[in-house]
Protein backbone atom coordinates (compact mmCIF):
# COMPACT_ATOMS: atom_id res chain seq x y z
CA MET A 1 -116.46 83.33 -23.28
CA ASN A 2 -115.42 86.39 -25.60
CA PRO A 3 -117.97 88.95 -26.11
CA PRO A 4 -118.98 89.05 -29.75
CA ASN A 5 -118.08 90.78 -32.76
CA GLY A 6 -119.45 94.40 -33.08
CA SER A 7 -119.48 94.47 -29.23
CA ILE A 8 -116.50 97.28 -28.80
CA ASP A 9 -115.85 100.13 -31.01
CA ILE A 10 -112.39 98.94 -32.80
CA SER A 11 -109.93 96.41 -33.09
CA PHE A 12 -106.50 97.16 -34.13
CA PHE A 13 -104.32 94.93 -35.99
CA VAL A 14 -100.79 94.82 -35.39
CA PRO A 15 -98.55 92.68 -37.32
CA CYS A 16 -95.30 91.61 -36.25
CA TYR A 17 -92.04 90.02 -38.08
CA ASN A 18 -88.98 90.24 -36.28
CA GLU A 19 -89.72 93.45 -34.96
CA GLU A 20 -88.22 93.23 -31.38
CA LYS A 21 -86.63 96.46 -31.61
CA ASN A 22 -90.04 98.26 -32.53
CA ILE A 23 -93.25 96.41 -31.51
CA ILE A 24 -93.12 97.31 -27.61
CA ALA A 25 -92.78 101.38 -29.19
CA THR A 26 -95.86 100.62 -31.40
CA LEU A 27 -97.92 99.03 -28.53
CA ALA A 28 -96.91 101.78 -26.05
CA LYS A 29 -97.51 104.30 -28.51
CA LEU A 30 -101.16 103.17 -29.35
CA THR A 31 -101.88 102.86 -25.70
CA GLU A 32 -101.03 105.96 -25.51
CA VAL A 33 -102.94 107.77 -27.88
CA LEU A 34 -106.12 106.10 -26.78
CA LYS A 35 -105.86 107.37 -23.19
CA SER A 36 -107.45 110.73 -25.01
CA PHE A 37 -110.41 108.81 -26.48
CA SER A 38 -113.72 107.10 -25.03
CA LEU A 39 -113.36 104.19 -27.19
CA THR A 40 -114.02 100.70 -26.24
CA TYR A 41 -110.97 98.93 -28.21
CA GLU A 42 -108.59 95.62 -28.31
CA ILE A 43 -105.30 95.17 -30.17
CA LEU A 44 -104.63 92.18 -32.08
CA VAL A 45 -101.11 91.64 -32.38
CA PHE A 46 -100.15 89.05 -35.08
CA ASP A 47 -96.62 87.45 -35.05
CA ASP A 48 -96.01 85.92 -37.98
CA ALA A 49 -93.37 83.36 -37.22
CA SER A 50 -90.77 85.82 -35.61
CA THR A 51 -87.50 84.14 -34.69
CA ASP A 52 -85.97 86.85 -32.53
CA GLN A 53 -87.14 88.10 -29.20
CA SER A 54 -90.45 89.81 -30.37
CA CYS A 55 -93.18 87.67 -28.79
CA SER A 56 -91.40 87.05 -25.14
CA LEU A 57 -91.53 90.98 -25.59
CA ILE A 58 -94.97 91.23 -26.64
CA LYS A 59 -96.02 89.09 -23.84
CA LYS A 60 -94.17 91.16 -21.11
CA PHE A 61 -95.86 94.13 -22.44
CA GLN A 62 -99.48 92.01 -22.20
CA LYS A 63 -98.99 91.47 -18.05
CA LYS A 64 -97.47 95.09 -17.69
CA SER A 65 -100.30 96.61 -19.67
CA ALA A 66 -103.68 94.87 -18.00
CA PRO A 67 -106.78 95.18 -18.16
CA ILE A 68 -105.94 96.50 -22.00
CA SER A 69 -107.39 93.90 -24.07
CA ILE A 70 -104.02 92.87 -26.12
CA ARG A 71 -104.19 89.60 -27.86
CA LEU A 72 -101.15 87.54 -29.34
CA PHE A 73 -101.82 85.38 -32.40
CA ARG A 74 -98.75 83.61 -32.91
CA ASN A 75 -98.10 81.73 -36.75
CA ALA A 76 -95.77 78.54 -36.94
CA ASN A 77 -95.23 79.55 -40.58
CA ASN A 78 -94.93 82.87 -42.42
CA TYR A 79 -97.94 83.61 -43.94
CA GLY A 80 -97.92 86.97 -45.26
CA LEU A 81 -99.23 90.49 -44.14
CA GLY A 82 -102.36 90.15 -46.07
CA PHE A 83 -103.35 86.78 -44.55
CA ASN A 84 -102.75 88.01 -41.02
CA TYR A 85 -105.21 91.36 -42.01
CA ILE A 86 -107.83 89.42 -43.20
CA GLU A 87 -107.53 86.44 -40.04
CA GLY A 88 -107.68 89.37 -37.66
CA SER A 89 -110.48 90.58 -38.97
CA TYR A 90 -112.37 87.53 -38.05
CA HIS A 91 -110.94 87.81 -34.71
CA ALA A 92 -111.71 91.20 -34.17
CA ARG A 93 -114.92 92.55 -31.60
CA GLY A 94 -114.86 96.00 -32.74
CA GLN A 95 -116.98 97.32 -34.97
CA HIS A 96 -114.25 99.06 -36.94
CA TYR A 97 -110.98 97.96 -37.86
CA MET A 98 -107.57 99.46 -38.34
CA LEU A 99 -104.14 98.70 -39.16
CA VAL A 100 -101.04 100.03 -36.92
CA ASN A 101 -97.88 98.50 -38.25
CA GLY A 102 -95.64 96.79 -35.99
CA ASP A 103 -92.75 98.63 -37.18
CA ASN A 104 -93.63 102.08 -35.21
CA ALA A 105 -94.37 104.14 -38.68
CA GLU A 106 -97.48 105.89 -37.55
CA THR A 107 -96.89 108.99 -35.73
CA PRO A 108 -99.34 109.60 -32.48
CA GLU A 109 -100.72 112.71 -34.13
CA SER A 110 -101.79 110.70 -37.11
CA ILE A 111 -103.46 108.00 -35.20
CA ALA A 112 -105.46 110.23 -33.36
CA MET A 113 -106.55 112.53 -36.34
CA LEU A 114 -107.51 108.77 -37.82
CA LEU A 115 -109.49 108.02 -34.92
CA ARG A 116 -111.03 111.59 -34.92
CA LYS A 117 -112.89 111.07 -38.05
CA ILE A 118 -114.80 107.43 -37.07
CA GLY A 119 -118.32 107.83 -38.35
CA SER A 120 -117.54 110.52 -40.95
CA ALA A 121 -117.43 107.68 -43.50
CA GLU A 122 -117.57 104.25 -44.10
CA MET A 123 -113.89 104.21 -45.01
CA ILE A 124 -111.51 106.77 -43.45
CA ILE A 125 -108.10 106.52 -45.80
CA PRO A 126 -105.12 108.52 -44.80
CA TYR A 127 -102.11 109.64 -47.07
CA MET A 128 -98.78 111.25 -46.53
CA GLN A 129 -98.24 114.34 -46.71
CA ALA A 130 -95.63 116.17 -49.14
CA ASN A 131 -92.93 115.63 -46.77
CA ASP A 132 -92.76 112.14 -46.63
CA VAL A 133 -89.60 110.92 -44.92
CA ARG A 134 -89.52 107.44 -46.25
CA GLY A 135 -86.60 108.57 -48.76
CA PHE A 136 -86.77 109.12 -52.29
CA VAL A 137 -87.32 105.77 -53.80
CA ARG A 138 -89.59 104.24 -51.75
CA SER A 139 -92.18 107.46 -51.88
CA ASN A 140 -91.90 107.43 -55.31
CA LEU A 141 -92.76 103.82 -55.77
CA SER A 142 -95.45 104.15 -53.69
CA ARG A 143 -96.78 107.37 -56.13
CA LEU A 144 -95.99 104.95 -58.87
CA PHE A 145 -98.18 102.46 -57.04
CA SER A 146 -101.04 104.55 -56.14
CA LEU A 147 -101.35 105.62 -59.94
CA LEU A 148 -101.26 101.91 -61.34
CA VAL A 149 -103.99 101.06 -58.94
CA ASN A 150 -106.19 104.25 -59.96
CA THR A 151 -105.42 103.45 -64.03
CA ILE A 152 -106.88 99.77 -63.35
CA THR A 153 -109.58 100.21 -61.55
CA GLY A 154 -110.73 103.94 -62.36
CA HIS A 155 -110.59 105.35 -59.14
CA SER A 156 -108.59 108.20 -57.60
CA ILE A 157 -107.34 107.49 -54.46
CA ILE A 158 -104.15 109.28 -53.62
CA TYR A 159 -102.33 106.52 -51.47
CA TYR A 160 -103.70 102.93 -50.65
CA ASN A 161 -101.37 100.93 -48.34
CA GLY A 162 -101.89 103.20 -45.22
CA PRO A 163 -103.56 102.73 -41.69
CA VAL A 164 -107.08 102.66 -43.29
CA ILE A 165 -110.03 102.39 -40.79
CA HIS A 166 -112.52 99.90 -41.98
CA GLN A 167 -115.75 98.66 -41.04
CA THR A 168 -115.08 95.36 -39.54
CA ALA A 169 -117.92 93.61 -41.59
CA LYS A 170 -117.04 95.19 -44.88
CA VAL A 171 -113.63 93.39 -44.69
CA ILE A 172 -114.87 90.13 -43.47
CA ARG A 173 -117.58 90.06 -46.22
CA TRP A 174 -115.27 91.77 -49.14
CA HIS A 175 -111.75 90.71 -48.28
CA PRO A 176 -109.36 90.31 -50.88
CA MET A 177 -107.84 86.74 -51.99
CA THR A 178 -103.90 87.61 -51.41
CA CYS A 179 -100.97 86.82 -48.60
CA GLY A 180 -99.28 90.16 -49.85
CA TYR A 181 -98.52 93.84 -49.44
CA ALA A 182 -101.08 94.90 -51.61
CA TYR A 183 -104.14 93.79 -49.93
CA GLN A 184 -105.28 96.85 -48.89
CA ALA A 185 -105.16 98.45 -52.52
CA GLU A 186 -107.34 95.47 -53.30
CA LEU A 187 -109.68 95.67 -50.72
CA VAL A 188 -110.08 99.58 -50.81
CA SER A 189 -110.90 99.35 -54.71
CA LEU A 190 -113.38 96.20 -54.36
CA LEU A 191 -115.14 98.56 -51.49
CA LEU A 192 -115.52 101.50 -53.74
CA ASP A 193 -116.79 99.50 -56.60
CA HIS A 194 -119.49 98.64 -54.09
CA GLY A 195 -120.26 102.25 -53.30
CA THR A 196 -118.39 102.17 -49.81
CA SER A 197 -118.32 105.99 -49.01
CA TYR A 198 -114.61 107.38 -47.93
CA LEU A 199 -112.80 110.23 -46.62
CA GLU A 200 -109.22 110.94 -47.62
CA VAL A 201 -107.19 112.37 -44.55
CA LYS A 202 -103.69 114.24 -44.93
CA ILE A 203 -101.27 112.57 -41.77
CA ASN A 204 -97.87 112.19 -41.04
CA HIS A 205 -95.50 109.38 -41.63
CA ASN A 206 -92.38 107.95 -39.82
CA ASP A 207 -89.77 105.83 -41.35
CA ARG A 208 -88.99 103.00 -39.44
CA GLU A 209 -86.23 103.54 -36.58
CA HIS A 210 -84.86 100.11 -36.74
CA GLY A 211 -84.30 97.56 -39.38
CA THR A 212 -85.46 97.81 -42.90
CA SER A 213 -88.49 97.54 -44.88
CA LYS A 214 -89.81 94.08 -45.69
CA ALA A 215 -91.79 95.46 -49.07
CA PHE A 216 -89.12 94.78 -51.39
CA LYS A 217 -88.41 90.82 -50.52
CA LEU A 218 -88.90 89.08 -54.13
CA LYS A 219 -92.12 87.29 -53.02
CA ASN A 220 -93.53 90.69 -51.70
CA VAL A 221 -93.16 92.02 -55.25
CA LEU A 222 -94.62 88.85 -56.82
CA SER A 223 -97.50 89.25 -54.69
CA ILE A 224 -98.14 92.90 -55.60
CA CYS A 225 -98.21 91.88 -59.36
CA HIS A 226 -100.72 89.11 -58.69
CA SER A 227 -102.88 91.41 -57.13
CA LEU A 228 -102.63 93.84 -59.74
CA VAL A 229 -103.46 91.13 -62.49
CA GLN A 230 -106.39 90.49 -59.76
CA MET A 231 -107.69 94.06 -60.21
CA ILE A 232 -107.00 94.08 -63.72
CA CYS A 233 -109.50 90.97 -64.06
CA ARG A 234 -112.19 92.68 -61.93
CA ARG A 235 -112.19 95.55 -63.60
CA THR A 236 -112.86 93.42 -66.81
CA ARG A 237 -115.58 92.01 -65.52
CA ASN A 238 -117.43 94.96 -64.03
CA GLU A 239 -117.19 96.39 -67.84
CA LEU A 240 -118.46 92.99 -69.29
CA TRP A 241 -120.84 92.42 -66.58
CA PRO A 242 -122.09 96.11 -64.92
CA ASN A 243 -125.31 94.38 -63.40
CA HIS A 244 -122.93 92.21 -61.60
CA LYS A 245 -121.98 95.19 -59.07
CA LYS A 246 -125.33 96.60 -59.39
CA ALA A 247 -126.66 93.44 -57.58
CA TYR A 248 -124.50 93.16 -54.71
CA LEU A 249 -125.48 97.57 -53.96
CA SER A 250 -129.00 96.61 -54.25
CA GLU A 251 -128.47 93.59 -51.43
CA GLU A 252 -126.30 96.02 -49.55
CA GLU A 253 -129.53 98.59 -49.61
CA GLU A 254 -132.08 96.10 -48.54
CA ALA A 255 -130.06 94.66 -45.48
């Protein structure tokens, strides 16, 4: 019988889609960092219908790393990053929920820095330092995306798409309706609308060592556009019916 939700400190969501050259380095790095913490944890690896050797490598790592709790979920079809992130929250046993990208992009120092901030606010939101190593185009597109989201929502978050640490219950309660890459922006802005406290933390960031980013595929670009439209609609609704937001805040305060 599986432990109930909230029975451990944190669940890590690790997405994987054709990451055979990156996924084991990601898992090894994460488990090594966690040796310095007394947190109880699990790692949820979501394979989104990979066609390479990712799954077989993950299974070997599972056996080698026992008794660390590494749970592998395999999709028969490709559902997208946002879908898997939300699906993972329903399987999570941790009080907190954190993305660690399967492409080995987060540095050990950044992961540790974020974990040390657990309890400082309801959301721990990372942002990149000025020496963003992802290249001119990607880094500036990220800045443009954050500017668009802030303009639409009225918030002022530096960066929306990083490995945010959430309270798992809030992810489940307020999850966005998207399968694409802008799921975190939808979720963060929605939680901010409902008064969730947050702390922004400056981190370093690696670029992926192997392969190329999947963010610029047409379906991912279209999903980002869809998310922006969703945020516009929500802002419009909040402006027209401001008591809608206040009612939810009252319910949470009573709880």
